[in-house]
């Protein structure tokens, strides 16, 4: 039985890998041919894994730092819900944004399915941060959308605080009830924004208090839990409010003192 389970798991992994490659190639081709992408498609090398991402320079080329975005299941590196407004809007506000294309997930993929790919996602995130550093951008922030919020949180603890200076979770259903996540909170040692829509999904809203309690128990300073008034889970029609909330928080918690006060 154990052998059969291993065969099934291996076969599923091959199917997912093939689907990821096909979906990524199709997206990359569409992005490269788009006249309104508002960014440059670049390649990231994470060990043997090659990923694509969309980089957008600051409007005035005077960067406040890097912002790496990792999307959630069922979306992509240029999704019109949440990702694209932040990718473009934060670049216009002075940040180098880099939105990573993550492994594909089926429409019926569960939270467990997505988090089973966490090692690959974390490797791509690390490659993105290294790519920015190679271009002189030493201070970065990571924004994790949906299920990727927890992955962003855990990954941050593997980086020095002066390199990855803050973490943002948008629409996260996290409960922070596992030993791994509680340890990550205890080790985070940098500001954390827990942003959600006032009319978000039930799993996001139901776990708000549990997340706040876990953060308090971890004695994490710099935690902000904030709602975007009137918004639904995709922030449709309220992109500006989403961007304004993230931009203001980053200005307060992630901009270097000399950049904030030139």
C-alpha atoms as a PDB file:
ATOM      1  CA  UNK A   1       0.000   0.000   0.000  1.00  0.00           C
ATOM      2  CA  UNK A   2       2.827   2.384   0.857  1.00  0.00           C
ATOM      3  CA  UNK A   3       4.517   1.609  -2.474  1.00  0.00           C
ATOM      4  CA  UNK A   4       1.274   2.305  -4.334  1.00  0.00           C
ATOM      5  CA  UNK A   5       0.860   5.617  -2.499  1.00  0.00           C
ATOM      6  CA  UNK A   6       4.380   6.638  -3.497  1.00  0.00           C
ATOM      7  CA  UNK A   7       3.685   5.789  -7.140  1.00  0.00           C
ATOM      8  CA  UNK A   8       0.484   7.844  -7.086  1.00  0.00           C
ATOM      9  CA  UNK A   9       2.246  10.804  -5.442  1.00  0.00           C
ATOM     10  CA  UNK A  10       5.123  10.652  -7.925  1.00  0.00           C
ATOM     11  CA  UNK A  11       2.727  10.463 -10.872  1.00  0.00           C
ATOM     12  CA  UNK A  12       0.764  13.446  -9.534  1.00  0.00           C
ATOM     13  CA  UNK A  13       4.005  15.413  -9.167  1.00  0.00           C
ATOM     14  CA  UNK A  14       4.905  14.713 -12.800  1.00  0.00           C
ATOM     15  CA  UNK A  15       1.480  15.875 -13.965  1.00  0.00           C
ATOM     16  CA  UNK A  16       1.753  19.070 -11.905  1.00  0.00           C
ATOM     17  CA  UNK A  17       5.261  19.748 -13.219  1.00  0.00           C
ATOM     18  CA  UNK A  18       4.114  19.304 -16.817  1.00  0.00           C
ATOM     19  CA  UNK A  19       1.098  21.547 -16.255  1.00  0.00           C
ATOM     20  CA  UNK A  20       3.323  24.165 -14.611  1.00  0.00           C
ATOM     21  CA  UNK A  21       5.732  24.194 -17.549  1.00  0.00           C
ATOM     22  CA  UNK A  22       2.956  24.479 -20.130  1.00  0.00           C
ATOM     23  CA  UNK A  23       1.060  27.190 -18.251  1.00  0.00           C
ATOM     24  CA  UNK A  24       4.220  29.188 -17.608  1.00  0.00           C
ATOM     25  CA  UNK A  25       5.290  29.061 -21.243  1.00  0.00           C
ATOM     26  CA  UNK A  26       1.868  30.251 -22.367  1.00  0.00           C
ATOM     27  CA  UNK A  27       1.888  33.104 -19.857  1.00  0.00           C
ATOM     28  CA  UNK A  28       5.451  34.095 -20.710  1.00  0.00           C
ATOM     29  CA  UNK A  29       4.627  34.207 -24.422  1.00  0.00           C
ATOM     30  CA  UNK A  30       1.553  36.338 -23.742  1.00  0.00           C
ATOM     31  CA  UNK A  31       3.486  38.714 -21.491  1.00  0.00           C
ATOM     32  CA  UNK A  32       6.369  39.131 -23.937  1.00  0.00           C
ATOM     33  CA  UNK A  33       3.981  40.008 -26.757  1.00  0.00           C
ATOM     34  CA  UNK A  34       1.758  42.297 -24.681  1.00  0.00           C
ATOM     35  CA  UNK A  35       1.999  46.002 -25.440  1.00  0.00           C
ATOM     36  CA  UNK A  36       0.506  46.973 -22.074  1.00  0.00           C
ATOM     37  CA  UNK A  37       2.451  44.695 -19.713  1.00  0.00           C
ATOM     38  CA  UNK A  38       4.069  47.627 -17.883  1.00  0.00           C
ATOM     39  CA  UNK A  39       7.168  45.662 -17.023  1.00  0.00           C
ATOM     40  CA  UNK A  40       9.950  43.410 -18.286  1.00  0.00           C
ATOM     41  CA  UNK A  41       9.822  39.609 -18.263  1.00  0.00           C
ATOM     42  CA  UNK A  42      12.986  38.203 -16.687  1.00  0.00           C
ATOM     43  CA  UNK A  43      14.261  34.705 -15.855  1.00  0.00           C
ATOM     44  CA  UNK A  44      15.160  33.561 -12.347  1.00  0.00           C
ATOM     45  CA  UNK A  45      17.368  30.556 -11.646  1.00  0.00           C
ATOM     46  CA  UNK A  46      16.633  28.673  -8.420  1.00  0.00           C
ATOM     47  CA  UNK A  47      18.939  25.672  -8.514  1.00  0.00           C
ATOM     48  CA  UNK A  48      17.754  23.461 -11.372  1.00  0.00           C
ATOM     49  CA  UNK A  49      14.445  25.330 -11.526  1.00  0.00           C
ATOM     50  CA  UNK A  50      13.977  28.220 -13.939  1.00  0.00           C
ATOM     51  CA  UNK A  51      11.132  30.626 -13.234  1.00  0.00           C
ATOM     52  CA  UNK A  52       9.879  33.773 -14.903  1.00  0.00           C
ATOM     53  CA  UNK A  53       8.999  37.026 -13.205  1.00  0.00           C
ATOM     54  CA  UNK A  54       7.900  40.516 -14.170  1.00  0.00           C
ATOM     55  CA  UNK A  55      10.151  43.383 -13.127  1.00  0.00           C
ATOM     56  CA  UNK A  56       9.074  47.005 -13.114  1.00  0.00           C
ATOM     57  CA  UNK A  57      11.439  49.837 -12.339  1.00  0.00           C
ATOM     58  CA  UNK A  58      10.422  52.846 -10.253  1.00  0.00           C
ATOM     59  CA  UNK A  59       8.912  55.681 -12.229  1.00  0.00           C
ATOM     60  CA  UNK A  60      11.807  58.027 -11.419  1.00  0.00           C
ATOM     61  CA  UNK A  61      14.554  55.335 -11.264  1.00  0.00           C
ATOM     62  CA  UNK A  62      15.352  56.357  -7.672  1.00  0.00           C
ATOM     63  CA  UNK A  63      14.417  53.164  -5.859  1.00  0.00           C
ATOM     64  CA  UNK A  64      13.092  52.981  -2.302  1.00  0.00           C
ATOM     65  CA  UNK A  65      13.887  49.255  -2.315  1.00  0.00           C
ATOM     66  CA  UNK A  66      12.525  46.039  -3.726  1.00  0.00           C
ATOM     67  CA  UNK A  67       9.053  44.530  -3.454  1.00  0.00           C
ATOM     68  CA  UNK A  68       8.733  40.848  -4.345  1.00  0.00           C
ATOM     69  CA  UNK A  69       5.175  39.625  -4.920  1.00  0.00           C
ATOM     70  CA  UNK A  70       4.148  35.977  -4.666  1.00  0.00           C
ATOM     71  CA  UNK A  71       0.639  35.252  -5.896  1.00  0.00           C
ATOM     72  CA  UNK A  72      -1.762  32.637  -4.564  1.00  0.00           C
ATOM     73  CA  UNK A  73      -3.459  29.591  -6.130  1.00  0.00           C
ATOM     74  CA  UNK A  74      -5.504  30.150  -9.256  1.00  0.00           C
ATOM     75  CA  UNK A  75      -3.777  33.425 -10.123  1.00  0.00           C
ATOM     76  CA  UNK A  76      -0.522  34.491 -11.749  1.00  0.00           C
ATOM     77  CA  UNK A  77       2.240  37.075 -11.642  1.00  0.00           C
ATOM     78  CA  UNK A  78       0.104  39.655 -13.461  1.00  0.00           C
ATOM     79  CA  UNK A  79      -3.392  38.857 -12.185  1.00  0.00           C
ATOM     80  CA  UNK A  80      -5.699  41.864 -12.328  1.00  0.00           C
ATOM     81  CA  UNK A  81      -6.944  41.082  -8.815  1.00  0.00           C
ATOM     82  CA  UNK A  82      -4.461  42.371  -6.200  1.00  0.00           C
ATOM     83  CA  UNK A  83      -1.191  41.492  -7.960  1.00  0.00           C
ATOM     84  CA  UNK A  84      -1.137  43.848 -10.955  1.00  0.00           C
ATOM     85  CA  UNK A  85      -2.395  46.911  -9.038  1.00  0.00           C
ATOM     86  CA  UNK A  86       0.367  46.442  -6.464  1.00  0.00           C
ATOM     87  CA  UNK A  87       3.034  45.517  -9.013  1.00  0.00           C
ATOM     88  CA  UNK A  88       2.455  48.655 -11.052  1.00  0.00           C
ATOM     89  CA  UNK A  89       1.268  51.024  -8.337  1.00  0.00           C
ATOM     90  CA  UNK A  90       4.186  50.414  -5.989  1.00  0.00           C
ATOM     91  CA  UNK A  91       6.650  50.894  -8.859  1.00  0.00           C
ATOM     92  CA  UNK A  92       4.986  54.218  -9.593  1.00  0.00           C
ATOM     93  CA  UNK A  93       5.486  55.036  -5.905  1.00  0.00           C
ATOM     94  CA  UNK A  94       9.237  54.415  -6.088  1.00  0.00           C
ATOM     95  CA  UNK A  95       9.736  50.665  -5.545  1.00  0.00           C
ATOM     96  CA  UNK A  96      11.405  48.096  -7.789  1.00  0.00           C
ATOM     97  CA  UNK A  97       8.678  45.460  -8.052  1.00  0.00           C
ATOM     98  CA  UNK A  98       9.321  41.851  -9.019  1.00  0.00           C
ATOM     99  CA  UNK A  99       6.310  39.559  -9.357  1.00  0.00           C
ATOM    100  CA  UNK A 100       7.193  35.858  -9.541  1.00  0.00           C
ATOM    101  CA  UNK A 101       5.278  33.267 -11.531  1.00  0.00           C
ATOM    102  CA  UNK A 102       4.740  30.336  -9.162  1.00  0.00           C
ATOM    103  CA  UNK A 103       3.911  26.694  -9.911  1.00  0.00           C
ATOM    104  CA  UNK A 104       0.509  26.204 -11.484  1.00  0.00           C
ATOM    105  CA  UNK A 105      -2.372  24.938  -9.328  1.00  0.00           C
ATOM    106  CA  UNK A 106      -5.562  23.313 -10.476  1.00  0.00           C
ATOM    107  CA  UNK A 107      -8.805  25.184  -9.854  1.00  0.00           C
ATOM    108  CA  UNK A 108      -9.775  22.611  -7.213  1.00  0.00           C
ATOM    109  CA  UNK A 109      -6.370  22.592  -5.517  1.00  0.00           C
ATOM    110  CA  UNK A 110      -6.550  22.637  -1.743  1.00  0.00           C
ATOM    111  CA  UNK A 111      -4.489  24.646   0.699  1.00  0.00           C
ATOM    112  CA  UNK A 112      -2.449  21.506   1.366  1.00  0.00           C
ATOM    113  CA  UNK A 113      -1.774  21.090  -2.375  1.00  0.00           C
ATOM    114  CA  UNK A 114      -0.416  24.641  -2.568  1.00  0.00           C
ATOM    115  CA  UNK A 115       1.727  24.346   0.535  1.00  0.00           C
ATOM    116  CA  UNK A 116       3.163  21.050  -0.696  1.00  0.00           C
ATOM    117  CA  UNK A 117       4.950  23.225  -3.264  1.00  0.00           C
ATOM    118  CA  UNK A 118       6.340  25.560  -0.594  1.00  0.00           C
ATOM    119  CA  UNK A 119       9.996  24.479  -1.054  1.00  0.00           C
ATOM    120  CA  UNK A 120       9.861  25.403  -4.752  1.00  0.00           C
ATOM    121  CA  UNK A 121       8.060  28.665  -4.004  1.00  0.00           C
ATOM    122  CA  UNK A 122      10.575  29.586  -1.307  1.00  0.00           C
ATOM    123  CA  UNK A 123      13.452  28.813  -3.684  1.00  0.00           C
ATOM    124  CA  UNK A 124      11.966  31.113  -6.322  1.00  0.00           C
ATOM    125  CA  UNK A 125      11.473  33.824  -3.710  1.00  0.00           C
ATOM    126  CA  UNK A 126      15.112  33.497  -2.679  1.00  0.00           C
ATOM    127  CA  UNK A 127      16.210  33.741  -6.311  1.00  0.00           C
ATOM    128  CA  UNK A 128      14.124  36.905  -6.729  1.00  0.00           C
ATOM    129  CA  UNK A 129      15.691  38.548  -3.690  1.00  0.00           C
ATOM    130  CA  UNK A 130      19.161  37.599  -4.938  1.00  0.00           C
ATOM    131  CA  UNK A 131      18.338  39.011  -8.396  1.00  0.00           C
ATOM    132  CA  UNK A 132      17.440  42.348  -6.836  1.00  0.00           C
ATOM    133  CA  UNK A 133      20.572  42.387  -4.663  1.00  0.00           C
ATOM    134  CA  UNK A 134      22.747  41.728  -7.711  1.00  0.00           C
ATOM    135  CA  UNK A 135      21.347  44.970  -9.105  1.00  0.00           C
ATOM    136  CA  UNK A 136      22.158  47.007  -6.028  1.00  0.00           C
ATOM    137  CA  UNK A 137      18.769  46.732  -4.326  1.00  0.00           C
ATOM    138  CA  UNK A 138      19.755  45.582  -0.856  1.00  0.00           C
ATOM    139  CA  UNK A 139      16.511  46.221   1.046  1.00  0.00           C
ATOM    140  CA  UNK A 140      13.364  44.386   0.030  1.00  0.00           C
ATOM    141  CA  UNK A 141       9.852  43.544   1.177  1.00  0.00           C
ATOM    142  CA  UNK A 142       7.883  40.414   0.328  1.00  0.00           C
ATOM    143  CA  UNK A 143       4.123  40.485  -0.296  1.00  0.00           C
ATOM    144  CA  UNK A 144       2.320  37.146  -0.130  1.00  0.00           C
ATOM    145  CA  UNK A 145      -1.226  36.971  -1.501  1.00  0.00           C
ATOM    146  CA  UNK A 146      -3.763  34.492  -0.145  1.00  0.00           C
ATOM    147  CA  UNK A 147      -2.222  31.129   0.731  1.00  0.00           C
ATOM    148  CA  UNK A 148       1.227  32.500  -0.119  1.00  0.00           C
ATOM    149  CA  UNK A 149       1.150  34.814   2.887  1.00  0.00           C
ATOM    150  CA  UNK A 150       2.259  32.033   5.214  1.00  0.00           C
ATOM    151  CA  UNK A 151       5.029  31.039   2.819  1.00  0.00           C
ATOM    152  CA  UNK A 152       6.257  34.639   2.727  1.00  0.00           C
ATOM    153  CA  UNK A 153       6.272  34.745   6.523  1.00  0.00           C
ATOM    154  CA  UNK A 154       8.259  31.531   6.921  1.00  0.00           C
ATOM    155  CA  UNK A 155      10.719  32.447   4.168  1.00  0.00           C
ATOM    156  CA  UNK A 156      11.485  35.821   5.720  1.00  0.00           C
ATOM    157  CA  UNK A 157      13.105  34.240   8.760  1.00  0.00           C
ATOM    158  CA  UNK A 158      15.845  32.734   6.575  1.00  0.00           C
ATOM    159  CA  UNK A 159      17.025  36.182   5.468  1.00  0.00           C
ATOM    160  CA  UNK A 160      18.871  38.881   7.428  1.00  0.00           C
ATOM    161  CA  UNK A 161      16.564  41.645   8.639  1.00  0.00           C
ATOM    162  CA  UNK A 162      18.576  44.304   6.827  1.00  0.00           C
ATOM    163  CA  UNK A 163      17.939  42.505   3.505  1.00  0.00           C
ATOM    164  CA  UNK A 164      14.280  41.518   3.881  1.00  0.00           C
ATOM    165  CA  UNK A 165      12.925  44.302   6.027  1.00  0.00           C
ATOM    166  CA  UNK A 166       9.168  43.646   6.185  1.00  0.00           C
ATOM    167  CA  UNK A 167       6.425  41.175   5.240  1.00  0.00           C
ATOM    168  CA  UNK A 168       2.927  41.880   3.902  1.00  0.00           C
ATOM    169  CA  UNK A 169       0.118  39.321   3.781  1.00  0.00           C
ATOM    170  CA  UNK A 170      -2.962  40.182   1.702  1.00  0.00           C
ATOM    171  CA  UNK A 171      -6.110  38.146   2.253  1.00  0.00           C
ATOM    172  CA  UNK A 172      -4.372  35.450   4.264  1.00  0.00           C
ATOM    173  CA  UNK A 173      -6.436  32.623   5.799  1.00  0.00           C
ATOM    174  CA  UNK A 174      -3.558  31.711   8.134  1.00  0.00           C
ATOM    175  CA  UNK A 175      -4.344  30.574  11.663  1.00  0.00           C
ATOM    176  CA  UNK A 176      -0.756  30.523  12.953  1.00  0.00           C
ATOM    177  CA  UNK A 177      -1.586  27.373  14.908  1.00  0.00           C
ATOM    178  CA  UNK A 178       1.256  25.092  13.794  1.00  0.00           C
ATOM    179  CA  UNK A 179       4.561  24.837  15.635  1.00  0.00           C
ATOM    180  CA  UNK A 180       6.367  25.894  12.450  1.00  0.00           C
ATOM    181  CA  UNK A 181       4.304  29.057  12.057  1.00  0.00           C
ATOM    182  CA  UNK A 182       4.518  29.971  15.738  1.00  0.00           C
ATOM    183  CA  UNK A 183       8.288  29.606  15.534  1.00  0.00           C
ATOM    184  CA  UNK A 184       8.351  31.773  12.401  1.00  0.00           C
ATOM    185  CA  UNK A 185       6.414  34.489  14.226  1.00  0.00           C
ATOM    186  CA  UNK A 186       8.836  34.312  17.130  1.00  0.00           C
ATOM    187  CA  UNK A 187      11.827  34.560  14.795  1.00  0.00           C
ATOM    188  CA  UNK A 188      10.408  37.156  12.384  1.00  0.00           C
ATOM    189  CA  UNK A 189      11.838  40.256  14.083  1.00  0.00           C
ATOM    190  CA  UNK A 190      10.482  42.659  11.444  1.00  0.00           C
ATOM    191  CA  UNK A 191       7.190  44.463  10.738  1.00  0.00           C
ATOM    192  CA  UNK A 192       4.234  42.420   9.472  1.00  0.00           C
ATOM    193  CA  UNK A 193       1.123  43.804   7.753  1.00  0.00           C
ATOM    194  CA  UNK A 194      -1.962  41.563   7.809  1.00  0.00           C
ATOM    195  CA  UNK A 195      -4.230  43.252   5.260  1.00  0.00           C
ATOM    196  CA  UNK A 196      -7.659  41.966   4.314  1.00  0.00           C
ATOM    197  CA  UNK A 197     -10.901  43.050   2.667  1.00  0.00           C
ATOM    198  CA  UNK A 198     -13.823  44.057   4.867  1.00  0.00           C
ATOM    199  CA  UNK A 199     -15.943  41.514   2.948  1.00  0.00           C
ATOM    200  CA  UNK A 200     -13.192  38.949   2.456  1.00  0.00           C
ATOM    201  CA  UNK A 201     -13.590  35.172   2.249  1.00  0.00           C
ATOM    202  CA  UNK A 202     -14.927  33.457   5.347  1.00  0.00           C
ATOM    203  CA  UNK A 203     -11.667  31.663   6.138  1.00  0.00           C
ATOM    204  CA  UNK A 204      -9.805  34.988   6.145  1.00  0.00           C
ATOM    205  CA  UNK A 205     -12.303  36.749   8.407  1.00  0.00           C
ATOM    206  CA  UNK A 206     -12.900  33.796  10.727  1.00  0.00           C
ATOM    207  CA  UNK A 207      -9.196  33.550  11.572  1.00  0.00           C
ATOM    208  CA  UNK A 208      -8.504  37.244  12.229  1.00  0.00           C
ATOM    209  CA  UNK A 209      -8.635  36.995  16.003  1.00  0.00           C
ATOM    210  CA  UNK A 210      -6.609  33.804  16.100  1.00  0.00           C
ATOM    211  CA  UNK A 211      -3.851  35.420  14.035  1.00  0.00           C
ATOM    212  CA  UNK A 212      -3.805  38.503  16.248  1.00  0.00           C
ATOM    213  CA  UNK A 213      -3.632  36.357  19.383  1.00  0.00           C
ATOM    214  CA  UNK A 214      -0.787  34.253  17.989  1.00  0.00           C
ATOM    215  CA  UNK A 215       1.183  37.388  17.116  1.00  0.00           C
ATOM    216  CA  UNK A 216       0.626  38.808  20.589  1.00  0.00           C
ATOM    217  CA  UNK A 217       1.764  35.547  22.174  1.00  0.00           C
ATOM    218  CA  UNK A 218       4.892  35.645  20.010  1.00  0.00           C
ATOM    219  CA  UNK A 219       5.580  39.200  21.245  1.00  0.00           C
ATOM    220  CA  UNK A 220       6.098  40.390  17.675  1.00  0.00           C
ATOM    221  CA  UNK A 221       6.430  44.154  17.452  1.00  0.00           C
ATOM    222  CA  UNK A 222       5.348  46.085  14.381  1.00  0.00           C
ATOM    223  CA  UNK A 223       2.265  43.972  13.605  1.00  0.00           C
ATOM    224  CA  UNK A 224      -0.633  45.711  11.886  1.00  0.00           C
ATOM    225  CA  UNK A 225      -3.973  44.076  11.109  1.00  0.00           C
ATOM    226  CA  UNK A 226      -6.044  46.282   8.842  1.00  0.00           C
ATOM    227  CA  UNK A 227      -9.175  46.048   6.674  1.00  0.00           C
ATOM    228  CA  UNK A 228      -9.834  47.831   3.403  1.00  0.00           C
ATOM    229  CA  UNK A 229     -13.322  49.224   3.952  1.00  0.00           C
ATOM    230  CA  UNK A 230     -16.025  48.012   1.581  1.00  0.00           C
ATOM    231  CA  UNK A 231     -13.715  45.671  -0.328  1.00  0.00           C
ATOM    232  CA  UNK A 232     -14.448  42.110  -1.389  1.00  0.00           C
ATOM    233  CA  UNK A 233     -11.756  39.433  -1.629  1.00  0.00           C
ATOM    234  CA  UNK A 234     -10.519  40.550  -5.055  1.00  0.00           C
ATOM    235  CA  UNK A 235     -10.630  44.270  -4.115  1.00  0.00           C
ATOM    236  CA  UNK A 236     -12.578  44.891  -7.330  1.00  0.00           C
ATOM    237  CA  UNK A 237     -13.190  48.616  -7.770  1.00  0.00           C
ATOM    238  CA  UNK A 238     -11.021  49.403  -4.748  1.00  0.00           C
ATOM    239  CA  UNK A 239      -7.551  48.879  -6.213  1.00  0.00           C
ATOM    240  CA  UNK A 240      -6.588  52.418  -5.215  1.00  0.00           C
ATOM    241  CA  UNK A 241      -7.576  51.793  -1.595  1.00  0.00           C
ATOM    242  CA  UNK A 242      -5.584  48.548  -1.571  1.00  0.00           C
ATOM    243  CA  UNK A 243      -2.537  50.291  -3.016  1.00  0.00           C
ATOM    244  CA  UNK A 244      -2.868  53.255  -0.671  1.00  0.00           C
ATOM    245  CA  UNK A 245      -2.974  50.981   2.387  1.00  0.00           C
ATOM    246  CA  UNK A 246       0.117  49.022   1.365  1.00  0.00           C
ATOM    247  CA  UNK A 247       2.029  52.074   0.180  1.00  0.00           C
ATOM    248  CA  UNK A 248       1.429  54.040   3.388  1.00  0.00           C
ATOM    249  CA  UNK A 249       2.417  51.093   5.565  1.00  0.00           C
ATOM    250  CA  UNK A 250       5.616  50.484   3.590  1.00  0.00           C
ATOM    251  CA  UNK A 251       6.507  54.168   3.795  1.00  0.00           C
ATOM    252  CA  UNK A 252       6.280  53.954   7.576  1.00  0.00           C
ATOM    253  CA  UNK A 253       7.832  50.542   8.185  1.00  0.00           C
ATOM    254  CA  UNK A 254      10.109  49.650   5.264  1.00  0.00           C
ATOM    255  CA  UNK A 255      11.696  52.779   3.790  1.00  0.00           C
ATOM    256  CA  UNK A 256      15.250  53.466   4.923  1.00  0.00           C
ATOM    257  CA  UNK A 257      15.587  56.609   7.029  1.00  0.00           C
ATOM    258  CA  UNK A 258      17.835  58.347   4.510  1.00  0.00           C
ATOM    259  CA  UNK A 259      15.374  57.581   1.688  1.00  0.00           C
ATOM    260  CA  UNK A 260      12.380  58.763   3.677  1.00  0.00           C
ATOM    261  CA  UNK A 261      14.164  61.996   4.577  1.00  0.00           C
ATOM    262  CA  UNK A 262      16.350  62.922   1.601  1.00  0.00           C
END
